[in-house]
Amino acid sequence: MWAVAPPAHERRPLVTSPRVRPHLPARPLWRCRVCAASWLCSPARLALRYEYAEDPVALAIYLNLQLFDAAADLHRLNPHGGPDPKTLFERFLAWTHRHSPPSRSGEARIRSACMVSVAAGIVCAVTTPQERDEFERMRLVEQIEKDRQIIASYEENMMFYRIRIEENRYALGRLDERLGA
């Protein structure tokens, strides 16, 4: 016997809207949990700029704590070639002093709308043209870094298969000799 379908107003939608996921660090590697870029990725920076727009000192304190934790985690992972302090400073702190924080006033600057735009990969309309260019630059640099990692992984795998082919050819030749072919 077939069950009767529930009325339309009681059914769940077939397609749900995507949840906005915050770009947070995955420790101890300090990569973004959403986009896998080095954290602080562009969306994380943008979100922090707006979250701390009224209190840049609190942002600096928060990022200093994050820098301290990242340095400790990354050093634990690679004690001999640990993180470069200059690189970590630029990654965590230097970007905060480039511009004064944007104001949150005005309907066009609603934070939730900004977060939805960032999650969709679109830089908010509330940024200045220079900020948009900087975020686009950061996005491109991160994309280049990802592409280089993919190429390195590809080359490593390619070498593995070349070696395996040679080993199999050698084993095949030995079998052919034994079989008298």
N, C-alpha and C. Protein backbone atom coordinates (compact mmCIF):
# COMPACT_ATOMS: atom_id res chain seq x y z
N MET A 1 0.83 -1.17 0.00
CA MET A 1 0.00 0.00 0.00
C MET A 1 0.88 1.24 0.00
N TRP A 2 0.58 2.22 -0.83
CA TRP A 2 1.37 3.43 -0.97
C TRP A 2 0.93 4.47 0.06
N ALA A 3 1.91 5.16 0.61
CA ALA A 3 1.61 6.23 1.56
C ALA A 3 1.20 7.48 0.79
N VAL A 4 0.38 8.27 1.39
CA VAL A 4 -0.08 9.52 0.78
C VAL A 4 0.97 10.59 1.05
N ALA A 5 1.31 11.34 0.03
CA ALA A 5 2.30 12.42 0.18
C ALA A 5 1.75 13.51 1.08
N PRO A 6 2.61 14.11 1.91
CA PRO A 6 2.13 15.18 2.78
C PRO A 6 1.75 16.40 1.95
N PRO A 7 0.88 17.26 2.48
CA PRO A 7 0.52 18.48 1.75
C PRO A 7 1.74 19.33 1.44
N ALA A 8 1.66 20.15 0.42
CA ALA A 8 2.80 20.96 -0.05
C ALA A 8 3.37 21.83 1.06
N HIS A 9 2.53 22.40 1.92
CA HIS A 9 3.05 23.30 2.96
C HIS A 9 3.81 22.55 4.06
N GLU A 10 3.70 21.20 4.11
CA GLU A 10 4.42 20.42 5.11
C GLU A 10 5.68 19.77 4.56
N ARG A 11 5.89 19.84 3.26
CA ARG A 11 7.06 19.22 2.65
C ARG A 11 8.30 20.09 2.82
N ARG A 12 9.42 19.43 2.92
CA ARG A 12 10.70 20.14 2.94
C ARG A 12 11.06 20.55 1.52
N PRO A 13 11.75 21.65 1.38
CA PRO A 13 12.19 22.00 0.02
C PRO A 13 13.21 20.98 -0.48
N LEU A 14 13.20 20.69 -1.76
CA LEU A 14 14.15 19.74 -2.31
C LEU A 14 15.57 20.29 -2.32
N VAL A 15 15.69 21.56 -2.54
CA VAL A 15 16.99 22.21 -2.57
C VAL A 15 17.04 23.19 -1.41
N THR A 16 18.07 23.05 -0.61
CA THR A 16 18.24 23.99 0.50
C THR A 16 19.30 25.00 0.14
N SER A 17 19.17 26.17 0.67
CA SER A 17 20.17 27.19 0.39
C SER A 17 21.45 26.84 1.14
N PRO A 18 22.61 27.13 0.55
CA PRO A 18 23.87 26.79 1.20
C PRO A 18 24.06 27.62 2.47
N ARG A 19 24.60 26.98 3.49
CA ARG A 19 24.88 27.68 4.73
C ARG A 19 26.15 28.51 4.56
N VAL A 20 26.16 29.63 5.19
CA VAL A 20 27.35 30.45 5.18
C VAL A 20 28.31 29.86 6.20
N ARG A 21 29.46 29.43 5.73
CA ARG A 21 30.44 28.83 6.62
C ARG A 21 31.55 29.83 6.88
N PRO A 22 31.87 30.07 8.13
CA PRO A 22 32.94 31.02 8.42
C PRO A 22 34.30 30.43 8.02
N HIS A 23 35.16 31.27 7.52
CA HIS A 23 36.51 30.86 7.11
C HIS A 23 37.40 30.88 8.35
N LEU A 24 37.50 29.74 9.00
CA LEU A 24 38.27 29.59 10.24
C LEU A 24 39.48 28.72 9.99
N PRO A 25 40.50 28.82 10.85
CA PRO A 25 41.71 28.03 10.64
C PRO A 25 41.53 26.57 11.05
N ALA A 26 42.15 25.68 10.28
CA ALA A 26 42.24 24.27 10.64
C ALA A 26 43.63 24.08 11.23
N ARG A 27 43.67 23.88 12.53
CA ARG A 27 44.96 23.73 13.20
C ARG A 27 45.38 22.27 13.20
N PRO A 28 46.63 21.96 13.17
CA PRO A 28 47.81 22.80 13.33
C PRO A 28 48.40 23.33 12.03
N LEU A 29 47.76 23.06 10.88
CA LEU A 29 48.33 23.50 9.59
C LEU A 29 48.04 24.95 9.28
N TRP A 30 47.04 25.54 9.94
CA TRP A 30 46.64 26.92 9.72
C TRP A 30 46.25 27.16 8.27
N ARG A 31 45.39 26.26 7.77
CA ARG A 31 44.75 26.41 6.47
C ARG A 31 43.28 26.70 6.73
N CYS A 32 42.64 27.36 5.82
CA CYS A 32 41.22 27.68 5.96
C CYS A 32 40.40 26.41 5.84
N ARG A 33 39.42 26.25 6.73
CA ARG A 33 38.56 25.07 6.72
C ARG A 33 37.62 25.05 5.51
N VAL A 34 37.37 26.21 4.92
CA VAL A 34 36.41 26.29 3.81
C VAL A 34 37.12 26.23 2.46
N CYS A 35 38.12 27.09 2.27
CA CYS A 35 38.75 27.18 0.94
C CYS A 35 40.15 26.57 0.88
N ALA A 36 40.68 26.11 2.00
CA ALA A 36 41.99 25.44 2.08
C ALA A 36 43.17 26.35 1.77
N ALA A 37 42.94 27.63 1.68
CA ALA A 37 44.05 28.57 1.49
C ALA A 37 44.74 28.78 2.83
N SER A 38 45.91 29.36 2.79
CA SER A 38 46.58 29.71 4.05
C SER A 38 45.69 30.67 4.80
N TRP A 39 45.44 30.36 6.08
CA TRP A 39 44.58 31.23 6.87
C TRP A 39 45.43 32.37 7.38
N LEU A 40 45.13 33.49 7.22
CA LEU A 40 43.95 34.27 6.97
C LEU A 40 43.73 34.42 5.47
N CYS A 41 42.72 33.77 4.97
CA CYS A 41 42.36 33.89 3.56
C CYS A 41 41.61 35.20 3.34
N SER A 42 41.39 35.56 2.12
CA SER A 42 40.71 36.83 1.81
C SER A 42 39.35 36.95 2.47
N PRO A 43 38.49 35.92 2.40
CA PRO A 43 37.19 36.05 3.07
C PRO A 43 37.31 36.21 4.59
N ALA A 44 38.29 35.54 5.20
CA ALA A 44 38.48 35.67 6.65
C ALA A 44 38.93 37.09 6.99
N ARG A 45 39.83 37.63 6.20
CA ARG A 45 40.29 39.01 6.44
C ARG A 45 39.14 39.99 6.32
N LEU A 46 38.35 39.82 5.28
CA LEU A 46 37.23 40.72 5.07
C LEU A 46 36.23 40.62 6.23
N ALA A 47 35.93 39.41 6.65
CA ALA A 47 35.00 39.23 7.78
C ALA A 47 35.55 39.86 9.05
N LEU A 48 36.85 39.68 9.29
CA LEU A 48 37.44 40.27 10.50
C LEU A 48 37.46 41.80 10.42
N ARG A 49 37.71 42.34 9.23
CA ARG A 49 37.70 43.81 9.09
C ARG A 49 36.34 44.37 9.48
N TYR A 50 35.28 43.69 9.09
CA TYR A 50 33.95 44.19 9.42
C TYR A 50 33.55 43.87 10.86
N GLU A 51 33.98 42.72 11.33
CA GLU A 51 33.64 42.36 12.71
C GLU A 51 34.29 43.31 13.70
N TYR A 52 35.52 43.71 13.41
CA TYR A 52 36.26 44.58 14.32
C TYR A 52 36.37 46.01 13.79
N ALA A 53 35.46 46.41 12.94
CA ALA A 53 35.52 47.74 12.32
C ALA A 53 35.54 48.85 13.35
N GLU A 54 34.83 48.67 14.44
CA GLU A 54 34.76 49.70 15.48
C GLU A 54 35.87 49.59 16.51
N ASP A 55 36.64 48.49 16.48
CA ASP A 55 37.67 48.28 17.51
C ASP A 55 38.92 47.66 16.91
N PRO A 56 39.72 48.44 16.18
CA PRO A 56 40.92 47.88 15.54
C PRO A 56 41.95 47.39 16.55
N VAL A 57 41.94 47.93 17.76
CA VAL A 57 42.88 47.46 18.79
C VAL A 57 42.54 46.02 19.17
N ALA A 58 41.26 45.73 19.32
CA ALA A 58 40.84 44.36 19.64
C ALA A 58 41.22 43.41 18.50
N LEU A 59 41.11 43.87 17.27
CA LEU A 59 41.53 43.05 16.13
C LEU A 59 43.02 42.74 16.22
N ALA A 60 43.82 43.75 16.52
CA ALA A 60 45.27 43.55 16.63
C ALA A 60 45.60 42.56 17.75
N ILE A 61 44.91 42.68 18.88
CA ILE A 61 45.14 41.76 20.00
C ILE A 61 44.75 40.33 19.59
N TYR A 62 43.59 40.19 18.98
CA TYR A 62 43.13 38.87 18.55
C TYR A 62 44.12 38.24 17.57
N LEU A 63 44.56 39.03 16.59
CA LEU A 63 45.47 38.48 15.58
C LEU A 63 46.85 38.19 16.16
N ASN A 64 47.28 38.98 17.14
CA ASN A 64 48.54 38.67 17.82
C ASN A 64 48.46 37.32 18.52
N LEU A 65 47.33 37.04 19.16
CA LEU A 65 47.15 35.74 19.81
C LEU A 65 47.14 34.61 18.78
N GLN A 66 46.47 34.86 17.65
CA GLN A 66 46.44 33.85 16.59
C GLN A 66 47.85 33.63 16.03
N LEU A 67 48.61 34.70 15.86
CA LEU A 67 49.98 34.62 15.37
C LEU A 67 50.83 33.78 16.32
N PHE A 68 50.69 34.02 17.60
CA PHE A 68 51.44 33.26 18.61
C PHE A 68 51.10 31.77 18.51
N ASP A 69 49.82 31.44 18.44
CA ASP A 69 49.41 30.03 18.34
C ASP A 69 49.89 29.40 17.03
N ALA A 70 49.80 30.14 15.93
CA ALA A 70 50.23 29.61 14.63
C ALA A 70 51.73 29.34 14.64
N ALA A 71 52.50 30.27 15.18
CA ALA A 71 53.95 30.07 15.23
C ALA A 71 54.29 28.82 16.04
N ALA A 72 53.61 28.62 17.16
CA ALA A 72 53.87 27.44 17.99
C ALA A 72 53.47 26.15 17.25
N ASP A 73 52.28 26.15 16.64
CA ASP A 73 51.83 24.95 15.92
C ASP A 73 52.72 24.63 14.73
N LEU A 74 53.04 25.64 13.95
CA LEU A 74 53.86 25.41 12.75
C LEU A 74 55.28 25.01 13.12
N HIS A 75 55.79 25.54 14.22
CA HIS A 75 57.14 25.14 14.67
C HIS A 75 57.12 23.68 15.14
N ARG A 76 56.05 23.27 15.82
CA ARG A 76 55.93 21.87 16.26
C ARG A 76 55.90 20.93 15.06
N LEU A 77 55.26 21.34 13.98
CA LEU A 77 55.18 20.50 12.79
C LEU A 77 56.51 20.41 12.05
N ASN A 78 57.28 21.50 12.07
CA ASN A 78 58.54 21.55 11.33
C ASN A 78 59.56 22.32 12.16
N PRO A 79 60.18 21.66 13.16
CA PRO A 79 61.07 22.39 14.07
C PRO A 79 62.34 22.93 13.41
N HIS A 80 62.83 22.28 12.35
CA HIS A 80 64.09 22.74 11.75
C HIS A 80 63.88 23.80 10.68
N GLY A 81 62.79 23.75 9.98
CA GLY A 81 62.50 24.75 8.96
C GLY A 81 61.23 25.49 9.31
N GLY A 82 61.12 25.84 10.57
CA GLY A 82 59.89 26.44 11.09
C GLY A 82 59.46 27.69 10.35
N PRO A 83 58.39 28.27 10.80
CA PRO A 83 57.83 29.42 10.09
C PRO A 83 58.74 30.64 10.16
N ASP A 84 58.78 31.37 9.07
CA ASP A 84 59.56 32.61 9.00
C ASP A 84 58.78 33.71 9.73
N PRO A 85 59.37 34.35 10.73
CA PRO A 85 58.64 35.37 11.49
C PRO A 85 58.11 36.51 10.62
N LYS A 86 58.88 36.92 9.62
CA LYS A 86 58.43 38.00 8.75
C LYS A 86 57.19 37.59 7.96
N THR A 87 57.19 36.37 7.45
CA THR A 87 56.05 35.87 6.69
C THR A 87 54.81 35.78 7.57
N LEU A 88 55.00 35.28 8.80
CA LEU A 88 53.86 35.19 9.71
C LEU A 88 53.33 36.57 10.07
N PHE A 89 54.23 37.53 10.28
CA PHE A 89 53.78 38.88 10.60
C PHE A 89 52.96 39.45 9.45
N GLU A 90 53.45 39.29 8.21
CA GLU A 90 52.72 39.80 7.05
C GLU A 90 51.38 39.09 6.89
N ARG A 91 51.37 37.81 7.16
CA ARG A 91 50.14 37.02 7.01
C ARG A 91 49.09 37.39 8.05
N PHE A 92 49.51 37.63 9.29
CA PHE A 92 48.55 37.84 10.36
C PHE A 92 48.31 39.30 10.71
N LEU A 93 49.31 40.15 10.61
CA LEU A 93 49.16 41.50 11.14
C LEU A 93 49.32 42.63 10.14
N ALA A 94 50.24 42.51 9.21
CA ALA A 94 50.57 43.64 8.35
C ALA A 94 49.37 44.15 7.57
N TRP A 95 48.51 43.26 7.15
CA TRP A 95 47.36 43.66 6.33
C TRP A 95 46.38 44.55 7.10
N THR A 96 46.39 44.51 8.42
CA THR A 96 45.43 45.29 9.19
C THR A 96 45.77 46.77 9.21
N HIS A 97 47.01 47.13 8.93
CA HIS A 97 47.44 48.52 9.03
C HIS A 97 47.47 49.23 7.69
N ARG A 98 47.09 48.55 6.63
CA ARG A 98 47.14 49.17 5.30
C ARG A 98 46.08 50.24 5.11
N HIS A 99 44.92 50.05 5.69
CA HIS A 99 43.82 51.01 5.54
C HIS A 99 43.14 51.18 6.88
N SER A 100 42.48 52.29 7.00
CA SER A 100 41.64 52.43 8.18
C SER A 100 40.42 51.55 7.97
N PRO A 101 39.87 50.99 9.02
CA PRO A 101 38.73 50.09 8.86
C PRO A 101 37.52 50.81 8.29
N PRO A 102 36.77 50.15 7.41
CA PRO A 102 35.59 50.76 6.83
C PRO A 102 34.49 50.92 7.88
N SER A 103 33.67 51.90 7.70
CA SER A 103 32.56 52.13 8.62
C SER A 103 31.46 51.13 8.35
N ARG A 104 30.70 50.80 9.38
CA ARG A 104 29.60 49.87 9.23
C ARG A 104 28.28 50.57 8.95
N SER A 105 28.27 51.90 8.92
CA SER A 105 27.00 52.61 8.80
C SER A 105 26.42 52.45 7.39
N GLY A 106 25.11 52.63 7.29
CA GLY A 106 24.44 52.56 6.00
C GLY A 106 23.88 51.19 5.72
N GLU A 107 22.76 51.16 5.01
CA GLU A 107 22.12 49.89 4.72
C GLU A 107 22.96 49.01 3.81
N ALA A 108 23.75 49.63 2.93
CA ALA A 108 24.56 48.84 2.00
C ALA A 108 25.67 48.10 2.72
N ARG A 109 25.92 48.42 3.97
CA ARG A 109 27.02 47.81 4.70
C ARG A 109 26.56 46.79 5.73
N ILE A 110 25.45 46.18 5.49
CA ILE A 110 24.94 45.18 6.43
C ILE A 110 25.87 43.98 6.42
N ARG A 111 26.32 43.59 7.61
CA ARG A 111 27.33 42.55 7.74
C ARG A 111 26.85 41.20 7.22
N SER A 112 25.62 40.84 7.48
CA SER A 112 25.15 39.54 7.05
C SER A 112 25.15 39.43 5.53
N ALA A 113 24.76 40.49 4.85
CA ALA A 113 24.79 40.48 3.39
C ALA A 113 26.22 40.35 2.90
N CYS A 114 27.12 41.00 3.59
CA CYS A 114 28.53 40.91 3.23
C CYS A 114 29.02 39.47 3.38
N MET A 115 28.66 38.81 4.49
CA MET A 115 29.12 37.45 4.72
C MET A 115 28.57 36.50 3.65
N VAL A 116 27.33 36.69 3.23
CA VAL A 116 26.77 35.85 2.18
C VAL A 116 27.54 36.05 0.89
N SER A 117 27.86 37.29 0.57
CA SER A 117 28.63 37.57 -0.65
C SER A 117 30.00 36.94 -0.58
N VAL A 118 30.67 37.06 0.56
CA VAL A 118 32.00 36.48 0.71
C VAL A 118 31.94 34.97 0.58
N ALA A 119 30.96 34.35 1.20
CA ALA A 119 30.84 32.89 1.13
C ALA A 119 30.62 32.43 -0.30
N ALA A 120 29.98 33.25 -1.10
CA ALA A 120 29.74 32.90 -2.49
C ALA A 120 30.95 33.21 -3.37
N GLY A 121 32.01 33.75 -2.77
CA GLY A 121 33.22 34.06 -3.53
C GLY A 121 33.18 35.42 -4.17
N ILE A 122 32.29 36.27 -3.75
CA ILE A 122 32.15 37.61 -4.31
C ILE A 122 32.60 38.61 -3.25
N VAL A 123 33.47 39.54 -3.63
CA VAL A 123 33.88 40.56 -2.69
C VAL A 123 32.72 41.53 -2.51
N CYS A 124 32.47 41.93 -1.28
CA CYS A 124 31.32 42.78 -0.97
C CYS A 124 31.37 44.10 -1.73
N ALA A 125 30.19 44.64 -1.97
CA ALA A 125 30.10 45.93 -2.62
C ALA A 125 30.48 47.06 -1.68
N VAL A 126 30.65 46.74 -0.40
CA VAL A 126 30.93 47.79 0.57
C VAL A 126 32.41 48.13 0.63
N THR A 127 33.26 47.41 -0.07
CA THR A 127 34.68 47.70 -0.05
C THR A 127 35.00 48.80 -1.06
N THR A 128 36.09 49.47 -0.83
CA THR A 128 36.54 50.49 -1.76
C THR A 128 37.18 49.80 -2.97
N PRO A 129 37.35 50.50 -4.07
CA PRO A 129 38.00 49.87 -5.24
C PRO A 129 39.41 49.36 -4.91
N GLN A 130 40.15 50.10 -4.09
CA GLN A 130 41.49 49.65 -3.73
C GLN A 130 41.42 48.37 -2.90
N GLU A 131 40.48 48.29 -1.97
CA GLU A 131 40.32 47.07 -1.17
C GLU A 131 39.93 45.91 -2.05
N ARG A 132 39.02 46.15 -3.01
CA ARG A 132 38.62 45.08 -3.93
C ARG A 132 39.83 44.58 -4.70
N ASP A 133 40.68 45.50 -5.16
CA ASP A 133 41.89 45.09 -5.88
C ASP A 133 42.82 44.28 -4.98
N GLU A 134 42.95 44.70 -3.72
CA GLU A 134 43.80 43.96 -2.80
C GLU A 134 43.25 42.56 -2.54
N PHE A 135 41.93 42.45 -2.35
CA PHE A 135 41.34 41.14 -2.13
C PHE A 135 41.46 40.27 -3.37
N GLU A 136 41.30 40.87 -4.54
CA GLU A 136 41.48 40.12 -5.78
C GLU A 136 42.92 39.66 -5.91
N ARG A 137 43.86 40.51 -5.53
CA ARG A 137 45.28 40.13 -5.56
C ARG A 137 45.54 38.96 -4.62
N MET A 138 44.97 39.05 -3.40
CA MET A 138 45.13 37.95 -2.44
C MET A 138 44.52 36.66 -2.98
N ARG A 139 43.36 36.77 -3.62
CA ARG A 139 42.72 35.60 -4.17
C ARG A 139 43.58 34.97 -5.26
N LEU A 140 44.15 35.82 -6.13
CA LEU A 140 45.00 35.31 -7.21
C LEU A 140 46.27 34.66 -6.67
N VAL A 141 46.88 35.28 -5.66
CA VAL A 141 48.09 34.70 -5.06
C VAL A 141 47.76 33.34 -4.44
N GLU A 142 46.64 33.26 -3.74
CA GLU A 142 46.23 31.99 -3.14
C GLU A 142 45.94 30.95 -4.21
N GLN A 143 45.32 31.37 -5.32
CA GLN A 143 45.04 30.43 -6.40
C GLN A 143 46.33 29.93 -7.02
N ILE A 144 47.30 30.81 -7.20
CA ILE A 144 48.61 30.40 -7.73
C ILE A 144 49.26 29.39 -6.79
N GLU A 145 49.18 29.65 -5.49
CA GLU A 145 49.76 28.74 -4.50
C GLU A 145 49.09 27.37 -4.58
N LYS A 146 47.75 27.35 -4.67
CA LYS A 146 47.03 26.08 -4.79
C LYS A 146 47.44 25.35 -6.06
N ASP A 147 47.51 26.09 -7.19
CA ASP A 147 47.87 25.47 -8.46
C ASP A 147 49.28 24.90 -8.42
N ARG A 148 50.20 25.61 -7.77
CA ARG A 148 51.58 25.08 -7.64
C ARG A 148 51.58 23.80 -6.83
N GLN A 149 50.77 23.75 -5.77
CA GLN A 149 50.69 22.54 -4.96
C GLN A 149 50.11 21.39 -5.77
N ILE A 150 49.10 21.67 -6.58
CA ILE A 150 48.50 20.63 -7.42
C ILE A 150 49.53 20.12 -8.43
N ILE A 151 50.28 21.03 -9.04
CA ILE A 151 51.30 20.64 -10.01
C ILE A 151 52.38 19.80 -9.33
N ALA A 152 52.82 20.22 -8.14
CA ALA A 152 53.84 19.46 -7.41
C ALA A 152 53.33 18.07 -7.08
N SER A 153 52.09 17.97 -6.66
CA SER A 153 51.50 16.67 -6.36
C SER A 153 51.41 15.82 -7.62
N TYR A 154 51.01 16.44 -8.71
CA TYR A 154 50.92 15.74 -9.99
C TYR A 154 52.28 15.21 -10.42
N GLU A 155 53.32 16.06 -10.31
CA GLU A 155 54.65 15.64 -10.71
C GLU A 155 55.17 14.51 -9.82
N GLU A 156 54.86 14.58 -8.54
CA GLU A 156 55.26 13.52 -7.61
C GLU A 156 54.58 12.21 -7.99
N ASN A 157 53.28 12.28 -8.27
CA ASN A 157 52.55 11.08 -8.67
C ASN A 157 53.04 10.56 -10.01
N MET A 158 53.35 11.47 -10.92
CA MET A 158 53.83 11.08 -12.23
C MET A 158 55.15 10.31 -12.09
N MET A 159 56.03 10.79 -11.23
CA MET A 159 57.31 10.11 -11.01
C MET A 159 57.07 8.71 -10.44
N PHE A 160 56.14 8.61 -9.49
CA PHE A 160 55.81 7.31 -8.90
C PHE A 160 55.39 6.33 -9.98
N TYR A 161 54.51 6.75 -10.89
CA TYR A 161 54.01 5.86 -11.93
C TYR A 161 55.08 5.54 -12.97
N ARG A 162 55.96 6.48 -13.25
CA ARG A 162 57.06 6.18 -14.18
C ARG A 162 57.97 5.10 -13.60
N ILE A 163 58.28 5.23 -12.32
CA ILE A 163 59.11 4.22 -11.67
C ILE A 163 58.39 2.88 -11.67
N ARG A 164 57.10 2.89 -11.38
CA ARG A 164 56.33 1.65 -11.36
C ARG A 164 56.28 1.01 -12.74
N ILE A 165 56.14 1.81 -13.78
CA ILE A 165 56.14 1.26 -15.15
C ILE A 165 57.47 0.60 -15.45
N GLU A 166 58.56 1.25 -15.08
CA GLU A 166 59.89 0.68 -15.33
C GLU A 166 60.08 -0.62 -14.55
N GLU A 167 59.64 -0.65 -13.30
CA GLU A 167 59.75 -1.87 -12.51
C GLU A 167 58.92 -2.99 -13.12
N ASN A 168 57.72 -2.66 -13.58
CA ASN A 168 56.87 -3.68 -14.20
C ASN A 168 57.45 -4.15 -15.53
N ARG A 169 58.06 -3.26 -16.30
CA ARG A 169 58.71 -3.67 -17.56
C ARG A 169 59.86 -4.64 -17.28
N TYR A 170 60.62 -4.33 -16.24
CA TYR A 170 61.73 -5.20 -15.86
C TYR A 170 61.20 -6.57 -15.45
N ALA A 171 60.16 -6.57 -14.59
CA ALA A 171 59.57 -7.84 -14.15
C ALA A 171 58.99 -8.61 -15.33
N LEU A 172 58.37 -7.92 -16.28
CA LEU A 172 57.82 -8.55 -17.47
C LEU A 172 58.94 -9.17 -18.31
N GLY A 173 60.04 -8.47 -18.45
CA GLY A 173 61.17 -9.01 -19.22
C GLY A 173 61.73 -10.27 -18.59
N ARG A 174 61.83 -10.28 -17.26
CA ARG A 174 62.32 -11.49 -16.57
C ARG A 174 61.36 -12.66 -16.76
N LEU A 175 60.05 -12.36 -16.70
CA LEU A 175 59.06 -13.43 -16.93
C LEU A 175 59.15 -13.95 -18.35
N ASP A 176 59.33 -13.05 -19.31
CA ASP A 176 59.45 -13.46 -20.71
C ASP A 176 60.66 -14.34 -20.90
N GLU A 177 61.78 -14.02 -20.23
CA GLU A 177 63.00 -14.86 -20.33
C GLU A 177 62.73 -16.26 -19.78
N ARG A 178 62.04 -16.32 -18.62
CA ARG A 178 61.74 -17.62 -18.02
C ARG A 178 60.79 -18.44 -18.89
N LEU A 179 59.87 -17.76 -19.54
CA LEU A 179 58.91 -18.47 -20.38
C LEU A 179 59.48 -18.79 -21.75
N GLY A 180 60.64 -18.22 -22.07
CA GLY A 180 61.29 -18.51 -23.34
C GLY A 180 60.64 -17.81 -24.52
N ALA A 181 60.06 -16.69 -24.27
CA ALA A 181 59.37 -15.98 -25.34
C ALA A 181 60.29 -15.13 -26.14
